[in-house]
Amino acid sequence: MTVAVRPTEYAVCALPEDNVDAMHFTITVAYRGRGRWAVVRHGYCLGVDGEWDYESLPSERADEWLAAHRFDLDDALRLATEHAPKVTVNGWTVAAILAAADKQHA
């Protein structure tokens, strides 16, 4: 019997992992099969155009949509890393969260 162990998800965040807000600012790179990965955040997928689109049910996804929202692992990680510093939650940017943390620890 062969047992396969493989990563299926990566967490990408511009905040330190011990920051209380990190989970809200995290982008996930998730394996979607056939060697393709999705860059996802709160039910939305990053497209090749740099826009976030709602990820519908698998049965509702057209081939064109999949081609625009699936990447090889290297590209998915690169895109997630590029977009992580741009995440905004309830008006808070990554830069503002980091500044607030620095001010708190000063």
N, C-alpha and C. Protein backbone atom coordinates (compact mmCIF):
# COMPACT_ATOMS: atom_id res chain seq x y z
N MET A 1 0.84 -1.18 0.00
CA MET A 1 0.00 0.00 0.00
C MET A 1 0.89 1.24 0.00
N THR A 2 0.55 2.19 -0.83
CA THR A 2 1.27 3.45 -0.89
C THR A 2 0.40 4.53 -0.26
N VAL A 3 0.99 5.29 0.60
CA VAL A 3 0.29 6.39 1.25
C VAL A 3 0.83 7.69 0.67
N ALA A 4 -0.06 8.52 0.17
CA ALA A 4 0.34 9.80 -0.41
C ALA A 4 0.12 10.92 0.60
N VAL A 5 1.12 11.74 0.73
CA VAL A 5 1.02 12.94 1.57
C VAL A 5 1.35 14.11 0.66
N ARG A 6 0.43 15.07 0.58
CA ARG A 6 0.67 16.21 -0.29
C ARG A 6 0.00 17.45 0.30
N PRO A 7 0.63 18.59 0.11
CA PRO A 7 0.00 19.82 0.58
C PRO A 7 -1.18 20.16 -0.32
N THR A 8 -2.22 20.69 0.26
CA THR A 8 -3.39 21.07 -0.52
C THR A 8 -3.80 22.53 -0.28
N GLU A 9 -3.06 23.20 0.62
CA GLU A 9 -3.45 24.57 0.94
C GLU A 9 -2.26 25.31 1.54
N TYR A 10 -2.13 26.58 1.16
CA TYR A 10 -1.11 27.46 1.71
C TYR A 10 -1.80 28.73 2.21
N ALA A 11 -1.37 29.23 3.33
CA ALA A 11 -1.88 30.49 3.87
C ALA A 11 -0.84 31.58 3.57
N VAL A 12 -1.30 32.68 2.97
CA VAL A 12 -0.42 33.78 2.60
C VAL A 12 -0.96 35.03 3.27
N CYS A 13 -0.12 35.68 4.08
CA CYS A 13 -0.57 36.85 4.82
C CYS A 13 0.58 37.82 5.00
N ALA A 14 0.30 39.12 4.89
CA ALA A 14 1.33 40.14 5.08
C ALA A 14 1.47 40.56 6.54
N LEU A 15 0.65 40.00 7.41
CA LEU A 15 0.76 40.26 8.84
C LEU A 15 1.49 39.10 9.50
N PRO A 16 2.19 39.36 10.60
CA PRO A 16 2.83 38.25 11.33
C PRO A 16 1.77 37.25 11.80
N GLU A 17 2.13 35.99 11.85
CA GLU A 17 1.15 34.97 12.21
C GLU A 17 0.61 35.12 13.63
N ASP A 18 1.35 35.82 14.50
CA ASP A 18 0.86 36.02 15.87
C ASP A 18 0.00 37.28 16.01
N ASN A 19 -0.20 38.00 14.91
CA ASN A 19 -1.08 39.17 14.96
C ASN A 19 -2.52 38.70 15.08
N VAL A 20 -3.26 39.30 15.99
CA VAL A 20 -4.64 38.89 16.25
C VAL A 20 -5.53 39.00 15.01
N ASP A 21 -5.18 39.87 14.08
CA ASP A 21 -5.99 40.07 12.88
C ASP A 21 -5.53 39.25 11.68
N ALA A 22 -4.46 38.50 11.81
CA ALA A 22 -3.88 37.79 10.67
C ALA A 22 -4.88 36.90 9.94
N MET A 23 -5.72 36.21 10.68
CA MET A 23 -6.66 35.29 10.00
C MET A 23 -7.62 36.03 9.07
N HIS A 24 -7.93 37.27 9.40
CA HIS A 24 -8.86 38.04 8.57
C HIS A 24 -8.20 38.59 7.31
N PHE A 25 -6.87 38.66 7.31
CA PHE A 25 -6.12 39.22 6.20
C PHE A 25 -5.42 38.14 5.37
N THR A 26 -5.74 36.90 5.63
CA THR A 26 -5.07 35.78 4.96
C THR A 26 -5.72 35.44 3.63
N ILE A 27 -4.88 35.22 2.64
CA ILE A 27 -5.29 34.71 1.33
C ILE A 27 -4.88 33.24 1.31
N THR A 28 -5.73 32.39 0.77
CA THR A 28 -5.44 30.97 0.71
C THR A 28 -5.15 30.57 -0.73
N VAL A 29 -4.11 29.78 -0.89
CA VAL A 29 -3.82 29.14 -2.18
C VAL A 29 -4.24 27.70 -2.00
N ALA A 30 -5.29 27.30 -2.70
CA ALA A 30 -5.92 25.99 -2.48
C ALA A 30 -5.85 25.12 -3.73
N TYR A 31 -5.47 23.88 -3.53
CA TYR A 31 -5.40 22.93 -4.64
C TYR A 31 -6.81 22.61 -5.11
N ARG A 32 -7.02 22.66 -6.42
CA ARG A 32 -8.34 22.39 -6.99
C ARG A 32 -8.32 21.20 -7.95
N GLY A 33 -7.24 20.43 -7.95
CA GLY A 33 -7.17 19.24 -8.78
C GLY A 33 -6.48 19.48 -10.11
N ARG A 34 -6.02 18.39 -10.71
CA ARG A 34 -5.37 18.42 -12.02
C ARG A 34 -4.20 19.39 -12.09
N GLY A 35 -3.48 19.51 -10.97
CA GLY A 35 -2.31 20.38 -10.95
C GLY A 35 -2.61 21.86 -10.93
N ARG A 36 -3.87 22.23 -10.67
CA ARG A 36 -4.28 23.63 -10.70
C ARG A 36 -4.64 24.12 -9.30
N TRP A 37 -4.33 25.38 -9.05
CA TRP A 37 -4.51 26.00 -7.75
C TRP A 37 -5.36 27.25 -7.89
N ALA A 38 -6.11 27.57 -6.86
CA ALA A 38 -6.92 28.78 -6.81
C ALA A 38 -6.37 29.70 -5.73
N VAL A 39 -6.44 30.99 -5.99
CA VAL A 39 -6.08 32.01 -5.00
C VAL A 39 -7.41 32.52 -4.46
N VAL A 40 -7.72 32.21 -3.20
CA VAL A 40 -9.06 32.48 -2.67
C VAL A 40 -9.03 33.30 -1.39
N ARG A 41 -10.13 34.02 -1.20
CA ARG A 41 -10.31 34.79 0.02
C ARG A 41 -11.80 34.99 0.23
N HIS A 42 -12.32 34.44 1.31
CA HIS A 42 -13.73 34.59 1.69
C HIS A 42 -14.70 34.29 0.54
N GLY A 43 -14.48 33.18 -0.14
CA GLY A 43 -15.40 32.75 -1.20
C GLY A 43 -15.17 33.39 -2.56
N TYR A 44 -14.12 34.19 -2.67
CA TYR A 44 -13.81 34.84 -3.95
C TYR A 44 -12.48 34.32 -4.46
N CYS A 45 -12.36 34.22 -5.79
CA CYS A 45 -11.14 33.75 -6.44
C CYS A 45 -10.51 34.88 -7.22
N LEU A 46 -9.20 34.93 -7.17
CA LEU A 46 -8.46 35.90 -7.96
C LEU A 46 -8.37 35.41 -9.39
N GLY A 47 -8.63 36.30 -10.33
CA GLY A 47 -8.55 35.96 -11.74
C GLY A 47 -7.26 36.46 -12.35
N VAL A 48 -6.97 36.02 -13.57
CA VAL A 48 -5.77 36.46 -14.27
C VAL A 48 -5.78 37.97 -14.50
N ASP A 49 -6.96 38.57 -14.47
CA ASP A 49 -7.09 40.02 -14.66
C ASP A 49 -6.84 40.81 -13.37
N GLY A 50 -6.55 40.11 -12.27
CA GLY A 50 -6.29 40.76 -11.00
C GLY A 50 -7.54 41.11 -10.22
N GLU A 51 -8.70 40.73 -10.72
CA GLU A 51 -9.97 40.99 -10.05
C GLU A 51 -10.41 39.77 -9.25
N TRP A 52 -11.12 40.03 -8.15
CA TRP A 52 -11.67 38.97 -7.32
C TRP A 52 -13.10 38.68 -7.78
N ASP A 53 -13.39 37.42 -8.08
CA ASP A 53 -14.71 37.01 -8.53
C ASP A 53 -15.26 35.93 -7.60
N TYR A 54 -16.57 35.99 -7.40
CA TYR A 54 -17.23 34.98 -6.57
C TYR A 54 -17.00 33.60 -7.17
N GLU A 55 -16.63 32.64 -6.32
CA GLU A 55 -16.43 31.27 -6.77
C GLU A 55 -17.73 30.50 -6.58
N SER A 56 -18.42 30.27 -7.66
CA SER A 56 -19.71 29.58 -7.60
C SER A 56 -19.50 28.08 -7.35
N LEU A 57 -20.60 27.36 -7.30
CA LEU A 57 -20.54 25.91 -7.14
C LEU A 57 -19.77 25.29 -8.30
N PRO A 58 -19.05 24.19 -8.06
CA PRO A 58 -18.29 23.57 -9.14
C PRO A 58 -19.11 23.26 -10.39
N SER A 59 -20.33 22.85 -10.23
CA SER A 59 -21.17 22.51 -11.39
C SER A 59 -21.57 23.74 -12.20
N GLU A 60 -21.38 24.92 -11.64
CA GLU A 60 -21.77 26.16 -12.33
C GLU A 60 -20.59 26.88 -12.97
N ARG A 61 -19.39 26.33 -12.86
CA ARG A 61 -18.20 26.99 -13.38
C ARG A 61 -17.94 26.57 -14.81
N ALA A 62 -17.92 27.54 -15.71
CA ALA A 62 -17.64 27.28 -17.12
C ALA A 62 -16.13 27.09 -17.31
N ASP A 63 -15.76 26.41 -18.39
CA ASP A 63 -14.35 26.19 -18.69
C ASP A 63 -13.58 27.50 -18.79
N GLU A 64 -14.21 28.53 -19.37
CA GLU A 64 -13.56 29.83 -19.51
C GLU A 64 -13.27 30.44 -18.14
N TRP A 65 -14.23 30.31 -17.22
CA TRP A 65 -14.04 30.84 -15.88
C TRP A 65 -12.89 30.11 -15.19
N LEU A 66 -12.88 28.80 -15.30
CA LEU A 66 -11.81 28.01 -14.69
C LEU A 66 -10.45 28.38 -15.27
N ALA A 67 -10.37 28.57 -16.57
CA ALA A 67 -9.09 28.93 -17.20
C ALA A 67 -8.57 30.27 -16.68
N ALA A 68 -9.48 31.17 -16.31
CA ALA A 68 -9.09 32.50 -15.83
C ALA A 68 -8.85 32.55 -14.33
N HIS A 69 -9.19 31.48 -13.60
CA HIS A 69 -9.10 31.49 -12.13
C HIS A 69 -8.32 30.32 -11.55
N ARG A 70 -7.58 29.62 -12.37
CA ARG A 70 -6.75 28.51 -11.90
C ARG A 70 -5.33 28.71 -12.40
N PHE A 71 -4.36 28.34 -11.56
CA PHE A 71 -2.97 28.61 -11.86
C PHE A 71 -2.11 27.41 -11.49
N ASP A 72 -0.88 27.39 -12.00
CA ASP A 72 0.06 26.42 -11.46
C ASP A 72 0.48 26.95 -10.09
N LEU A 73 1.12 26.12 -9.29
CA LEU A 73 1.42 26.50 -7.90
C LEU A 73 2.31 27.74 -7.83
N ASP A 74 3.34 27.80 -8.64
CA ASP A 74 4.25 28.95 -8.59
C ASP A 74 3.52 30.26 -8.87
N ASP A 75 2.68 30.27 -9.89
CA ASP A 75 1.93 31.49 -10.22
C ASP A 75 0.93 31.83 -9.12
N ALA A 76 0.27 30.83 -8.58
CA ALA A 76 -0.72 31.07 -7.52
C ALA A 76 -0.05 31.67 -6.28
N LEU A 77 1.09 31.13 -5.89
CA LEU A 77 1.80 31.67 -4.73
C LEU A 77 2.33 33.08 -5.01
N ARG A 78 2.81 33.32 -6.21
CA ARG A 78 3.28 34.65 -6.58
C ARG A 78 2.14 35.67 -6.52
N LEU A 79 1.00 35.31 -7.10
CA LEU A 79 -0.16 36.22 -7.09
C LEU A 79 -0.66 36.48 -5.67
N ALA A 80 -0.73 35.44 -4.87
CA ALA A 80 -1.18 35.61 -3.48
C ALA A 80 -0.22 36.51 -2.71
N THR A 81 1.07 36.32 -2.93
CA THR A 81 2.08 37.14 -2.26
C THR A 81 1.99 38.60 -2.71
N GLU A 82 1.72 38.82 -3.99
CA GLU A 82 1.57 40.19 -4.50
C GLU A 82 0.33 40.87 -3.92
N HIS A 83 -0.73 40.12 -3.74
CA HIS A 83 -2.00 40.70 -3.29
C HIS A 83 -2.13 40.78 -1.77
N ALA A 84 -1.37 40.00 -1.03
CA ALA A 84 -1.48 39.98 0.43
C ALA A 84 -1.31 41.36 1.06
N PRO A 85 -0.35 42.18 0.65
CA PRO A 85 -0.21 43.51 1.27
C PRO A 85 -1.36 44.46 0.93
N LYS A 86 -2.17 44.13 -0.06
CA LYS A 86 -3.27 44.99 -0.51
C LYS A 86 -4.61 44.67 0.15
N VAL A 87 -4.66 43.64 0.98
CA VAL A 87 -5.92 43.22 1.60
C VAL A 87 -6.42 44.32 2.54
N THR A 88 -7.71 44.59 2.44
CA THR A 88 -8.37 45.56 3.31
C THR A 88 -9.56 44.87 3.95
N VAL A 89 -9.73 45.07 5.26
CA VAL A 89 -10.84 44.49 6.00
C VAL A 89 -11.52 45.61 6.79
N ASN A 90 -12.78 45.83 6.51
CA ASN A 90 -13.55 46.87 7.21
C ASN A 90 -12.83 48.22 7.24
N GLY A 91 -12.21 48.56 6.12
CA GLY A 91 -11.51 49.83 6.01
C GLY A 91 -10.08 49.82 6.52
N TRP A 92 -9.68 48.73 7.15
CA TRP A 92 -8.31 48.62 7.68
C TRP A 92 -7.41 47.98 6.64
N THR A 93 -6.30 48.62 6.36
CA THR A 93 -5.31 48.06 5.45
C THR A 93 -4.25 47.31 6.25
N VAL A 94 -3.47 46.52 5.57
CA VAL A 94 -2.35 45.83 6.21
C VAL A 94 -1.41 46.86 6.82
N ALA A 95 -1.11 47.91 6.08
CA ALA A 95 -0.20 48.95 6.58
C ALA A 95 -0.74 49.58 7.87
N ALA A 96 -2.03 49.84 7.93
CA ALA A 96 -2.63 50.44 9.14
C ALA A 96 -2.55 49.48 10.32
N ILE A 97 -2.80 48.21 10.09
CA ILE A 97 -2.72 47.22 11.17
C ILE A 97 -1.28 47.13 11.69
N LEU A 98 -0.31 47.12 10.78
CA LEU A 98 1.08 47.05 11.19
C LEU A 98 1.51 48.31 11.95
N ALA A 99 1.04 49.47 11.49
CA ALA A 99 1.36 50.72 12.17
C ALA A 99 0.77 50.75 13.57
N ALA A 100 -0.47 50.28 13.70
CA ALA A 100 -1.13 50.24 15.00
C ALA A 100 -0.39 49.28 15.93
N ALA A 101 0.08 48.18 15.42
CA ALA A 101 0.83 47.21 16.24
C ALA A 101 2.15 47.81 16.68
N ASP A 102 2.82 48.51 15.77
CA ASP A 102 4.09 49.16 16.12
C ASP A 102 3.88 50.22 17.20
N LYS A 103 2.83 50.99 17.04
CA LYS A 103 2.52 52.06 18.00
C LYS A 103 2.21 51.45 19.38
N GLN A 104 1.51 50.34 19.37
CA GLN A 104 1.14 49.69 20.62
C GLN A 104 2.36 49.13 21.36
N HIS A 105 3.36 48.68 20.58
CA HIS A 105 4.55 48.09 21.18
C HIS A 105 5.66 49.11 21.45
N ALA A 106 5.42 50.36 21.09
CA ALA A 106 6.45 51.40 21.29
C ALA A 106 6.47 51.91 22.72
